[in-house]
Amino acid sequence: HQHHHTTPNDSRDPEAVRGNAKRSSSPGASLRIELPGNPTQTVTRYRRIRFNEKVRVKRIQCQAQVVGDEEMGELWFQQEEYENIKRKTMALIKAIQEGNTGGVNYCTRGLERYFAIEEVQEKRNCAWDVVLDEQDLQRQERCFDPIGISRVYSRCTRQSSLEAADLAMMDQDSIAKSTRKTRQLLIERWQHC
């Protein structure tokens, strides 16, 4: 794809018509995109970047400047530490799957995909397939419809989105219960002082 930047004063740009009090990178910048399979046909997408007029800068000293050379490696995880984290995580997943946790209840939030690797890969492949199929269809029909691609992808991933929303609600409830419990304990402690 070739991209051509222009700055038209186009009445189709709603921001150009309304005007804006905030400073913009350019007045109504647009991006011209050549369509796949038809280099003579283009679509125009308008982009506008705004900057807040009230800018506050706070200087923060980089930690790499604060520590000595010998301590530099302690600022970030090292490759061997990443490998150790990965090994421990995989061991935990295996122990949970085999029921060998010694009665300890572990939180597995964020690890769900490792408990159903084949199912996750199948969902991922399905999403790729529907997007690629839609792109092929659009090329054959010589049309460019990013909304259509988005629509088929959204349809394919809807169940995953619903599951993620359910997990988020469960997390929210869990945090609310934990917060209430902590507050209650603090109130009881303050009353006994």
N, C-alpha and C. Protein backbone atom coordinates (compact mmCIF):
# COMPACT_ATOMS: atom_id res chain seq x y z
N HIS A 1 0.84 -1.18 0.00
CA HIS A 1 0.00 0.00 0.00
C HIS A 1 0.88 1.24 0.00
N GLN A 2 0.50 2.24 -0.77
CA GLN A 2 1.21 3.49 -0.73
C GLN A 2 0.35 4.49 0.02
N HIS A 3 0.99 5.32 0.82
CA HIS A 3 0.28 6.32 1.60
C HIS A 3 0.71 7.70 1.13
N HIS A 4 -0.24 8.58 0.88
CA HIS A 4 0.05 9.95 0.48
C HIS A 4 -0.56 10.87 1.52
N HIS A 5 0.23 11.75 2.11
CA HIS A 5 -0.28 12.68 3.10
C HIS A 5 -0.64 14.00 2.43
N THR A 6 -1.85 14.48 2.68
CA THR A 6 -2.26 15.78 2.18
C THR A 6 -2.93 16.53 3.31
N THR A 7 -3.07 17.81 3.17
CA THR A 7 -3.76 18.60 4.19
C THR A 7 -4.83 19.45 3.52
N PRO A 8 -5.94 18.83 3.13
CA PRO A 8 -7.00 19.59 2.46
C PRO A 8 -7.82 20.38 3.46
N ASN A 9 -8.46 21.41 2.96
CA ASN A 9 -9.43 22.14 3.77
C ASN A 9 -10.79 21.63 3.32
N ASP A 10 -11.11 20.43 3.72
CA ASP A 10 -12.26 19.70 3.20
C ASP A 10 -13.45 19.88 4.11
N SER A 11 -14.59 20.24 3.54
CA SER A 11 -15.79 20.46 4.35
C SER A 11 -16.35 19.16 4.90
N ARG A 12 -15.88 18.00 4.41
CA ARG A 12 -16.36 16.73 4.94
C ARG A 12 -15.75 16.44 6.30
N ASP A 13 -14.67 17.12 6.64
CA ASP A 13 -14.01 16.91 7.93
C ASP A 13 -14.80 17.67 8.99
N PRO A 14 -15.52 16.95 9.89
CA PRO A 14 -16.38 17.63 10.86
C PRO A 14 -15.61 18.57 11.77
N GLU A 15 -14.36 18.25 12.12
CA GLU A 15 -13.58 19.12 12.99
C GLU A 15 -13.22 20.42 12.26
N ALA A 16 -12.99 20.33 10.95
CA ALA A 16 -12.65 21.53 10.19
C ALA A 16 -13.85 22.47 10.13
N VAL A 17 -15.06 21.91 10.08
CA VAL A 17 -16.27 22.72 10.02
C VAL A 17 -16.53 23.37 11.37
N ARG A 18 -16.47 22.59 12.45
CA ARG A 18 -16.78 23.09 13.78
C ARG A 18 -15.69 23.98 14.34
N GLY A 19 -14.45 23.69 13.97
CA GLY A 19 -13.33 24.40 14.59
C GLY A 19 -13.05 23.77 15.93
N ASN A 20 -11.90 24.05 16.47
CA ASN A 20 -11.54 23.44 17.74
C ASN A 20 -10.63 24.39 18.49
N ALA A 21 -10.86 24.53 19.79
CA ALA A 21 -10.06 25.45 20.59
C ALA A 21 -8.66 24.91 20.84
N LYS A 22 -8.51 23.61 20.74
CA LYS A 22 -7.20 23.01 21.02
C LYS A 22 -6.33 23.04 19.77
N ARG A 23 -5.04 23.14 20.01
CA ARG A 23 -4.08 23.18 18.90
C ARG A 23 -4.02 21.81 18.25
N SER A 24 -3.98 21.76 16.93
CA SER A 24 -3.91 20.50 16.20
C SER A 24 -2.57 20.39 15.50
N SER A 25 -2.21 19.14 15.16
CA SER A 25 -0.96 18.92 14.44
C SER A 25 -1.03 19.53 13.05
N SER A 26 -2.18 19.50 12.44
CA SER A 26 -2.41 20.14 11.14
C SER A 26 -3.90 20.31 10.98
N PRO A 27 -4.33 21.32 10.24
CA PRO A 27 -5.77 21.56 10.11
C PRO A 27 -6.42 20.60 9.14
N GLY A 28 -6.90 19.47 9.62
CA GLY A 28 -7.62 18.53 8.77
C GLY A 28 -6.72 17.63 7.95
N ALA A 29 -5.71 17.05 8.55
CA ALA A 29 -4.81 16.15 7.82
C ALA A 29 -5.58 14.92 7.36
N SER A 30 -5.22 14.42 6.19
CA SER A 30 -5.87 13.21 5.70
C SER A 30 -4.83 12.22 5.21
N LEU A 31 -5.25 11.00 5.11
CA LEU A 31 -4.38 9.92 4.66
C LEU A 31 -5.09 9.25 3.49
N ARG A 32 -4.42 9.19 2.34
CA ARG A 32 -5.00 8.53 1.18
C ARG A 32 -4.45 7.12 1.11
N ILE A 33 -5.33 6.15 0.96
CA ILE A 33 -4.94 4.74 0.96
C ILE A 33 -5.36 4.12 -0.36
N GLU A 34 -4.38 3.51 -1.05
CA GLU A 34 -4.71 2.79 -2.28
C GLU A 34 -5.32 1.45 -1.89
N LEU A 35 -6.39 1.09 -2.58
CA LEU A 35 -7.11 -0.13 -2.23
C LEU A 35 -6.42 -1.35 -2.81
N PRO A 36 -6.45 -2.47 -2.07
CA PRO A 36 -5.84 -3.70 -2.57
C PRO A 36 -6.50 -4.14 -3.87
N GLY A 37 -5.69 -4.52 -4.86
CA GLY A 37 -6.22 -5.02 -6.12
C GLY A 37 -6.68 -3.94 -7.08
N ASN A 38 -6.69 -2.67 -6.64
CA ASN A 38 -7.13 -1.59 -7.53
C ASN A 38 -6.34 -0.33 -7.20
N PRO A 39 -5.12 -0.18 -7.75
CA PRO A 39 -4.27 0.96 -7.39
C PRO A 39 -4.82 2.31 -7.82
N THR A 40 -5.82 2.34 -8.72
CA THR A 40 -6.37 3.64 -9.15
C THR A 40 -7.44 4.15 -8.19
N GLN A 41 -8.01 3.27 -7.39
CA GLN A 41 -9.06 3.67 -6.45
C GLN A 41 -8.45 3.91 -5.08
N THR A 42 -8.79 5.02 -4.44
CA THR A 42 -8.28 5.32 -3.11
C THR A 42 -9.43 5.70 -2.19
N VAL A 43 -9.18 5.58 -0.90
CA VAL A 43 -10.11 6.07 0.11
C VAL A 43 -9.36 7.09 0.95
N THR A 44 -10.08 8.02 1.52
CA THR A 44 -9.45 9.04 2.34
C THR A 44 -9.92 8.86 3.77
N ARG A 45 -8.98 8.85 4.68
CA ARG A 45 -9.28 8.78 6.10
C ARG A 45 -8.73 10.03 6.76
N TYR A 46 -9.55 10.72 7.52
CA TYR A 46 -9.11 11.94 8.18
C TYR A 46 -8.56 11.64 9.55
N ARG A 47 -7.48 12.29 9.87
CA ARG A 47 -6.85 12.11 11.18
C ARG A 47 -6.58 13.49 11.77
N ARG A 48 -6.75 13.61 13.04
CA ARG A 48 -6.46 14.87 13.72
C ARG A 48 -5.84 14.54 15.07
N ILE A 49 -4.76 15.22 15.37
CA ILE A 49 -4.10 15.05 16.67
C ILE A 49 -4.22 16.36 17.41
N ARG A 50 -4.65 16.30 18.65
CA ARG A 50 -4.79 17.51 19.46
C ARG A 50 -3.84 17.44 20.65
N PHE A 51 -3.32 18.58 21.02
CA PHE A 51 -2.42 18.67 22.17
C PHE A 51 -3.07 19.56 23.21
N ASN A 52 -3.01 19.15 24.45
CA ASN A 52 -3.54 19.95 25.54
C ASN A 52 -2.68 21.19 25.69
N GLU A 53 -3.31 22.35 25.83
CA GLU A 53 -2.57 23.60 25.96
C GLU A 53 -1.85 23.70 27.31
N LYS A 54 -2.39 23.05 28.32
CA LYS A 54 -1.78 23.10 29.66
C LYS A 54 -0.84 21.92 29.80
N VAL A 55 0.42 22.17 29.62
CA VAL A 55 1.41 21.10 29.69
C VAL A 55 2.23 21.26 30.96
N ARG A 56 2.31 20.20 31.73
CA ARG A 56 3.15 20.19 32.93
C ARG A 56 4.18 19.10 32.76
N VAL A 57 5.42 19.46 32.97
CA VAL A 57 6.51 18.50 32.83
C VAL A 57 7.12 18.26 34.20
N LYS A 58 7.25 17.01 34.54
CA LYS A 58 7.89 16.66 35.81
C LYS A 58 9.10 15.81 35.48
N ARG A 59 10.25 16.28 35.85
CA ARG A 59 11.48 15.54 35.57
C ARG A 59 11.61 14.39 36.57
N ILE A 60 11.84 13.22 36.04
CA ILE A 60 12.05 12.04 36.86
C ILE A 60 13.40 11.46 36.47
N GLN A 61 14.24 11.30 37.45
CA GLN A 61 15.57 10.78 37.16
C GLN A 61 15.48 9.30 36.81
N CYS A 62 16.14 8.95 35.74
CA CYS A 62 16.17 7.57 35.30
C CYS A 62 16.92 6.72 36.32
N GLN A 63 16.34 5.57 36.67
CA GLN A 63 16.98 4.71 37.66
C GLN A 63 18.35 4.24 37.21
N ALA A 64 18.55 4.13 35.91
CA ALA A 64 19.86 3.71 35.40
C ALA A 64 20.93 4.74 35.75
N GLN A 65 20.53 6.01 35.94
CA GLN A 65 21.48 7.05 36.32
C GLN A 65 21.75 7.04 37.82
N VAL A 66 20.83 6.48 38.59
CA VAL A 66 20.95 6.49 40.05
C VAL A 66 21.85 5.37 40.55
N VAL A 67 21.72 4.19 39.95
CA VAL A 67 22.49 3.03 40.43
C VAL A 67 23.83 2.95 39.72
N GLY A 68 24.73 2.22 40.32
CA GLY A 68 26.04 2.01 39.71
C GLY A 68 25.98 0.93 38.64
N ASP A 69 27.06 0.81 37.89
CA ASP A 69 27.11 -0.17 36.80
C ASP A 69 26.89 -1.60 37.29
N GLU A 70 27.43 -1.91 38.48
CA GLU A 70 27.30 -3.28 38.99
C GLU A 70 25.86 -3.61 39.40
N GLU A 71 25.05 -2.59 39.70
CA GLU A 71 23.66 -2.82 40.10
C GLU A 71 22.68 -2.70 38.93
N MET A 72 23.19 -2.32 37.77
CA MET A 72 22.33 -2.09 36.61
C MET A 72 21.47 -3.31 36.27
N GLY A 73 22.03 -4.50 36.36
CA GLY A 73 21.31 -5.72 36.04
C GLY A 73 20.17 -6.01 36.99
N GLU A 74 20.16 -5.37 38.17
CA GLU A 74 19.11 -5.61 39.15
C GLU A 74 17.85 -4.79 38.88
N LEU A 75 17.93 -3.86 37.93
CA LEU A 75 16.77 -3.02 37.64
C LEU A 75 15.68 -3.76 36.87
N TRP A 76 16.07 -4.70 36.03
CA TRP A 76 15.13 -5.40 35.17
C TRP A 76 15.30 -6.90 35.34
N PHE A 77 14.22 -7.64 35.03
CA PHE A 77 14.33 -9.09 35.03
C PHE A 77 15.36 -9.51 33.99
N GLN A 78 16.16 -10.49 34.34
CA GLN A 78 17.14 -11.04 33.41
C GLN A 78 16.53 -12.26 32.73
N GLN A 79 17.14 -12.69 31.64
CA GLN A 79 16.61 -13.81 30.86
C GLN A 79 16.44 -15.06 31.73
N GLU A 80 17.43 -15.34 32.58
CA GLU A 80 17.33 -16.53 33.44
C GLU A 80 16.17 -16.40 34.42
N GLU A 81 15.86 -15.17 34.86
CA GLU A 81 14.72 -14.97 35.75
C GLU A 81 13.41 -15.22 35.01
N TYR A 82 13.32 -14.74 33.76
CA TYR A 82 12.13 -15.03 32.95
C TYR A 82 11.95 -16.53 32.78
N GLU A 83 13.04 -17.22 32.50
CA GLU A 83 12.97 -18.68 32.32
C GLU A 83 12.50 -19.36 33.61
N ASN A 84 12.98 -18.89 34.75
CA ASN A 84 12.59 -19.44 36.05
C ASN A 84 11.10 -19.21 36.31
N ILE A 85 10.62 -18.00 36.01
CA ILE A 85 9.20 -17.69 36.17
C ILE A 85 8.36 -18.61 35.30
N LYS A 86 8.80 -18.80 34.06
CA LYS A 86 8.07 -19.65 33.13
C LYS A 86 8.04 -21.10 33.62
N ARG A 87 9.19 -21.61 34.10
CA ARG A 87 9.25 -22.98 34.62
C ARG A 87 8.30 -23.16 35.80
N LYS A 88 8.33 -22.21 36.74
CA LYS A 88 7.47 -22.30 37.92
C LYS A 88 5.99 -22.22 37.54
N THR A 89 5.68 -21.36 36.59
CA THR A 89 4.29 -21.24 36.14
C THR A 89 3.80 -22.53 35.51
N MET A 90 4.62 -23.11 34.65
CA MET A 90 4.24 -24.38 34.00
C MET A 90 4.11 -25.51 35.03
N ALA A 91 4.99 -25.51 36.03
CA ALA A 91 4.90 -26.53 37.09
C ALA A 91 3.61 -26.35 37.89
N LEU A 92 3.24 -25.09 38.16
CA LEU A 92 2.00 -24.81 38.89
C LEU A 92 0.79 -25.28 38.07
N ILE A 93 0.79 -24.98 36.79
CA ILE A 93 -0.33 -25.39 35.92
C ILE A 93 -0.45 -26.91 35.91
N LYS A 94 0.68 -27.59 35.78
CA LYS A 94 0.66 -29.06 35.77
C LYS A 94 0.14 -29.61 37.10
N ALA A 95 0.61 -29.02 38.22
CA ALA A 95 0.16 -29.47 39.54
C ALA A 95 -1.34 -29.27 39.71
N ILE A 96 -1.86 -28.14 39.25
CA ILE A 96 -3.29 -27.87 39.36
C ILE A 96 -4.08 -28.85 38.50
N GLN A 97 -3.62 -29.09 37.28
CA GLN A 97 -4.32 -30.02 36.38
C GLN A 97 -4.34 -31.43 36.93
N GLU A 98 -3.26 -31.83 37.62
CA GLU A 98 -3.17 -33.18 38.17
C GLU A 98 -3.73 -33.26 39.59
N GLY A 99 -4.15 -32.12 40.14
CA GLY A 99 -4.70 -32.10 41.49
C GLY A 99 -3.66 -32.30 42.57
N ASN A 100 -2.42 -31.92 42.30
CA ASN A 100 -1.32 -32.09 43.27
C ASN A 100 -0.91 -30.77 43.90
N THR A 101 -1.87 -30.05 44.47
CA THR A 101 -1.54 -28.75 45.08
C THR A 101 -1.43 -28.83 46.59
N GLY A 102 -1.57 -30.03 47.14
CA GLY A 102 -1.47 -30.18 48.59
C GLY A 102 -2.56 -29.45 49.34
N GLY A 103 -3.72 -29.31 48.72
CA GLY A 103 -4.84 -28.65 49.38
C GLY A 103 -4.80 -27.13 49.30
N VAL A 104 -3.73 -26.59 48.72
CA VAL A 104 -3.62 -25.13 48.60
C VAL A 104 -4.43 -24.68 47.39
N ASN A 105 -5.17 -23.58 47.57
CA ASN A 105 -5.99 -23.04 46.49
C ASN A 105 -5.24 -21.88 45.83
N TYR A 106 -4.81 -22.05 44.59
CA TYR A 106 -4.04 -21.03 43.88
C TYR A 106 -4.94 -20.21 42.97
N CYS A 107 -4.63 -18.92 42.84
CA CYS A 107 -5.32 -18.05 41.88
C CYS A 107 -4.66 -18.26 40.52
N THR A 108 -5.46 -18.58 39.53
CA THR A 108 -4.93 -18.83 38.19
C THR A 108 -5.37 -17.76 37.19
N ARG A 109 -5.77 -16.60 37.71
CA ARG A 109 -6.20 -15.52 36.82
C ARG A 109 -5.05 -15.15 35.88
N GLY A 110 -5.35 -15.07 34.60
CA GLY A 110 -4.34 -14.76 33.60
C GLY A 110 -3.70 -15.99 32.99
N LEU A 111 -3.92 -17.15 33.61
CA LEU A 111 -3.33 -18.39 33.11
C LEU A 111 -4.36 -19.28 32.42
N GLU A 112 -5.58 -18.79 32.27
CA GLU A 112 -6.66 -19.62 31.74
C GLU A 112 -6.31 -20.25 30.39
N ARG A 113 -5.64 -19.50 29.54
CA ARG A 113 -5.34 -20.03 28.20
C ARG A 113 -4.42 -21.23 28.23
N TYR A 114 -3.63 -21.38 29.30
CA TYR A 114 -2.72 -22.52 29.40
C TYR A 114 -3.43 -23.80 29.82
N PHE A 115 -4.65 -23.67 30.33
CA PHE A 115 -5.41 -24.84 30.74
C PHE A 115 -6.21 -25.44 29.58
N ALA A 116 -6.31 -24.70 28.49
CA ALA A 116 -7.05 -25.18 27.31
C ALA A 116 -6.31 -24.72 26.06
N ILE A 117 -5.08 -25.15 25.91
CA ILE A 117 -4.22 -24.68 24.82
C ILE A 117 -4.83 -24.96 23.45
N GLU A 118 -5.35 -26.17 23.25
CA GLU A 118 -5.92 -26.52 21.94
C GLU A 118 -7.15 -25.67 21.62
N GLU A 119 -7.99 -25.45 22.61
CA GLU A 119 -9.19 -24.64 22.41
C GLU A 119 -8.82 -23.19 22.08
N VAL A 120 -7.83 -22.66 22.79
CA VAL A 120 -7.38 -21.29 22.54
C VAL A 120 -6.82 -21.16 21.13
N GLN A 121 -6.00 -22.13 20.72
CA GLN A 121 -5.41 -22.10 19.38
C GLN A 121 -6.49 -22.22 18.30
N GLU A 122 -7.50 -23.04 18.58
CA GLU A 122 -8.61 -23.21 17.63
C GLU A 122 -9.37 -21.89 17.46
N LYS A 123 -9.62 -21.18 18.56
CA LYS A 123 -10.30 -19.88 18.48
C LYS A 123 -9.45 -18.87 17.72
N ARG A 124 -8.15 -18.88 17.97
CA ARG A 124 -7.23 -17.97 17.29
C ARG A 124 -7.22 -18.25 15.79
N ASN A 125 -7.14 -19.53 15.43
CA ASN A 125 -7.14 -19.91 14.01
C ASN A 125 -8.45 -19.50 13.33
N CYS A 126 -9.55 -19.67 14.04
CA CYS A 126 -10.86 -19.28 13.50
C CYS A 126 -10.88 -17.79 13.20
N ALA A 127 -10.38 -16.98 14.13
CA ALA A 127 -10.35 -15.52 13.93
C ALA A 127 -9.49 -15.16 12.73
N TRP A 128 -8.31 -15.78 12.63
CA TRP A 128 -7.44 -15.51 11.48
C TRP A 128 -8.14 -15.89 10.18
N ASP A 129 -8.76 -17.07 10.17
CA ASP A 129 -9.41 -17.56 8.95
C ASP A 129 -10.52 -16.63 8.47
N VAL A 130 -11.39 -16.19 9.40
CA VAL A 130 -12.50 -15.34 8.95
C VAL A 130 -11.99 -14.00 8.42
N VAL A 131 -10.95 -13.45 9.04
CA VAL A 131 -10.39 -12.18 8.57
C VAL A 131 -9.74 -12.37 7.20
N LEU A 132 -8.92 -13.41 7.05
CA LEU A 132 -8.26 -13.65 5.77
C LEU A 132 -9.26 -13.98 4.66
N ASP A 133 -10.30 -14.75 4.99
CA ASP A 133 -11.34 -15.06 4.01
C ASP A 133 -12.06 -13.79 3.56
N GLU A 134 -12.37 -12.92 4.52
CA GLU A 134 -13.04 -11.66 4.19
C GLU A 134 -12.15 -10.78 3.31
N GLN A 135 -10.85 -10.74 3.63
CA GLN A 135 -9.93 -9.96 2.80
C GLN A 135 -9.86 -10.52 1.38
N ASP A 136 -9.80 -11.84 1.25
CA ASP A 136 -9.79 -12.47 -0.08
C ASP A 136 -11.05 -12.11 -0.86
N LEU A 137 -12.19 -12.20 -0.19
CA LEU A 137 -13.46 -11.88 -0.83
C LEU A 137 -13.48 -10.42 -1.31
N GLN A 138 -12.98 -9.52 -0.46
CA GLN A 138 -12.95 -8.11 -0.83
C GLN A 138 -12.02 -7.87 -2.02
N ARG A 139 -10.90 -8.57 -2.06
CA ARG A 139 -9.98 -8.43 -3.21
C ARG A 139 -10.66 -8.90 -4.49
N GLN A 140 -11.36 -10.03 -4.40
CA GLN A 140 -12.06 -10.57 -5.58
C GLN A 140 -13.13 -9.59 -6.07
N GLU A 141 -13.83 -8.98 -5.12
CA GLU A 141 -14.90 -8.05 -5.48
C GLU A 141 -14.39 -6.63 -5.71
N ARG A 142 -13.08 -6.43 -5.54
CA ARG A 142 -12.44 -5.13 -5.72
C ARG A 142 -13.10 -4.05 -4.86
N CYS A 143 -13.34 -4.39 -3.60
CA CYS A 143 -13.87 -3.41 -2.66
C CYS A 143 -13.00 -3.43 -1.41
N PHE A 144 -12.98 -2.33 -0.70
CA PHE A 144 -12.17 -2.20 0.50
C PHE A 144 -13.09 -1.77 1.63
N ASP A 145 -13.34 -2.68 2.56
CA ASP A 145 -14.29 -2.40 3.63
C ASP A 145 -13.73 -2.84 4.97
N PRO A 146 -12.96 -1.96 5.63
CA PRO A 146 -12.40 -2.33 6.93
C PRO A 146 -13.47 -2.62 7.98
N ILE A 147 -14.63 -1.98 7.84
CA ILE A 147 -15.73 -2.23 8.78
C ILE A 147 -16.24 -3.65 8.62
N GLY A 148 -16.28 -4.13 7.38
CA GLY A 148 -16.70 -5.51 7.12
C GLY A 148 -15.74 -6.50 7.76
N ILE A 149 -14.44 -6.22 7.67
CA ILE A 149 -13.44 -7.08 8.30
C ILE A 149 -13.63 -7.07 9.81
N SER A 150 -13.83 -5.87 10.35
CA SER A 150 -14.06 -5.74 11.79
C SER A 150 -15.30 -6.51 12.22
N ARG A 151 -16.35 -6.44 11.41
CA ARG A 151 -17.62 -7.10 11.74
C ARG A 151 -17.45 -8.62 11.82
N VAL A 152 -16.78 -9.22 10.81
CA VAL A 152 -16.64 -10.68 10.83
C VAL A 152 -15.72 -11.12 11.97
N TYR A 153 -14.70 -10.31 12.27
CA TYR A 153 -13.81 -10.63 13.39
C TYR A 153 -14.57 -10.55 14.71
N SER A 154 -15.37 -9.50 14.87
CA SER A 154 -16.15 -9.33 16.10
C SER A 154 -17.12 -10.48 16.31
N ARG A 155 -17.77 -10.92 15.22
CA ARG A 155 -18.69 -12.04 15.32
C ARG A 155 -17.97 -13.29 15.81
N CYS A 156 -16.78 -13.52 15.25
CA CYS A 156 -16.02 -14.73 15.58
C CYS A 156 -15.50 -14.70 17.02
N THR A 157 -15.18 -13.51 17.52
CA THR A 157 -14.57 -13.40 18.85
C THR A 157 -15.57 -12.96 19.92
N ARG A 158 -16.84 -12.90 19.58
CA ARG A 158 -17.85 -12.43 20.53
C ARG A 158 -17.88 -13.26 21.81
N GLN A 159 -17.83 -14.58 21.68
CA GLN A 159 -17.88 -15.44 22.86
C GLN A 159 -16.69 -15.17 23.79
N SER A 160 -15.51 -14.98 23.21
CA SER A 160 -14.33 -14.68 24.02
C SER A 160 -14.50 -13.35 24.74
N SER A 161 -15.10 -12.37 24.07
CA SER A 161 -15.35 -11.07 24.70
C SER A 161 -16.32 -11.20 25.86
N LEU A 162 -17.37 -12.01 25.67
CA LEU A 162 -18.34 -12.22 26.75
C LEU A 162 -17.69 -12.92 27.94
N GLU A 163 -16.85 -13.93 27.66
CA GLU A 163 -16.16 -14.64 28.73
C GLU A 163 -15.22 -13.70 29.49
N ALA A 164 -14.51 -12.83 28.76
CA ALA A 164 -13.61 -11.87 29.40
C ALA A 164 -14.39 -10.90 30.28
N ALA A 165 -15.55 -10.46 29.80
CA ALA A 165 -16.39 -9.55 30.59
C ALA A 165 -16.89 -10.24 31.85
N ASP A 166 -17.28 -11.51 31.74
CA ASP A 166 -17.71 -12.27 32.92
C ASP A 166 -16.59 -12.39 33.94
N LEU A 167 -15.37 -12.70 33.47
CA LEU A 167 -14.22 -12.80 34.38
C LEU A 167 -13.95 -11.46 35.06
N ALA A 168 -14.08 -10.38 34.30
CA ALA A 168 -13.86 -9.05 34.87
C ALA A 168 -14.87 -8.75 35.97
N MET A 169 -16.13 -9.13 35.75
CA MET A 169 -17.16 -8.92 36.78
C MET A 169 -16.87 -9.75 38.02
N MET A 170 -16.41 -10.99 37.81
CA MET A 170 -16.05 -11.83 38.96
C MET A 170 -14.89 -11.22 39.73
N ASP A 171 -13.90 -10.69 39.01
CA ASP A 171 -12.77 -10.02 39.67
C ASP A 171 -13.24 -8.81 40.45
N GLN A 172 -14.14 -8.04 39.84
CA GLN A 172 -14.66 -6.85 40.50
C GLN A 172 -15.37 -7.23 41.80
N ASP A 173 -16.19 -8.26 41.75
CA ASP A 173 -16.90 -8.72 42.96
C ASP A 173 -15.91 -9.20 44.02
N SER A 174 -14.90 -9.94 43.59
CA SER A 174 -13.90 -10.46 44.52
C SER A 174 -13.14 -9.33 45.20
N ILE A 175 -12.76 -8.32 44.42
CA ILE A 175 -12.03 -7.18 44.98
C ILE A 175 -12.92 -6.41 45.94
N ALA A 176 -14.19 -6.23 45.58
CA ALA A 176 -15.12 -5.51 46.46
C ALA A 176 -15.28 -6.24 47.79
N LYS A 177 -15.41 -7.57 47.75
CA LYS A 177 -15.53 -8.35 48.99
C LYS A 177 -14.27 -8.23 49.83
N SER A 178 -13.12 -8.34 49.18
CA SER A 178 -11.84 -8.24 49.89
C SER A 178 -11.67 -6.86 50.52
N THR A 179 -12.06 -5.82 49.78
CA THR A 179 -11.95 -4.45 50.29
C THR A 179 -12.87 -4.26 51.49
N ARG A 180 -14.11 -4.76 51.40
CA ARG A 180 -15.04 -4.65 52.53
C ARG A 180 -14.49 -5.36 53.76
N LYS A 181 -13.94 -6.55 53.55
CA LYS A 181 -13.39 -7.33 54.65
C LYS A 181 -12.21 -6.59 55.30
N THR A 182 -11.32 -6.03 54.48
CA THR A 182 -10.17 -5.29 55.00
C THR A 182 -10.63 -4.06 55.78
N ARG A 183 -11.61 -3.34 55.24
CA ARG A 183 -12.12 -2.16 55.94
C ARG A 183 -12.73 -2.54 57.28
N GLN A 184 -13.48 -3.64 57.29
CA GLN A 184 -14.11 -4.09 58.54
C GLN A 184 -13.06 -4.43 59.59
N LEU A 185 -12.00 -5.13 59.15
CA LEU A 185 -10.92 -5.47 60.09
C LEU A 185 -10.24 -4.22 60.63
N LEU A 186 -10.01 -3.23 59.77
CA LEU A 186 -9.39 -1.98 60.22
C LEU A 186 -10.29 -1.22 61.19
N ILE A 187 -11.59 -1.19 60.91
CA ILE A 187 -12.54 -0.52 61.80
C ILE A 187 -12.54 -1.19 63.17
N GLU A 188 -12.57 -2.52 63.18
CA GLU A 188 -12.55 -3.26 64.45
C GLU A 188 -11.26 -2.99 65.22
N ARG A 189 -10.14 -2.93 64.52
CA ARG A 189 -8.85 -2.66 65.17
C ARG A 189 -8.83 -1.26 65.76
N TRP A 190 -9.36 -0.26 65.02
CA TRP A 190 -9.38 1.12 65.52
C TRP A 190 -10.29 1.24 66.74
N GLN A 191 -11.38 0.48 66.76
CA GLN A 191 -12.31 0.56 67.88
C GLN A 191 -11.70 -0.03 69.15
N HIS A 192 -10.76 -0.96 69.02
CA HIS A 192 -10.14 -1.58 70.19
C HIS A 192 -8.95 -0.79 70.70
N CYS A 193 -8.53 0.23 69.97
CA CYS A 193 -7.36 1.03 70.40
C CYS A 193 -7.75 2.11 71.36
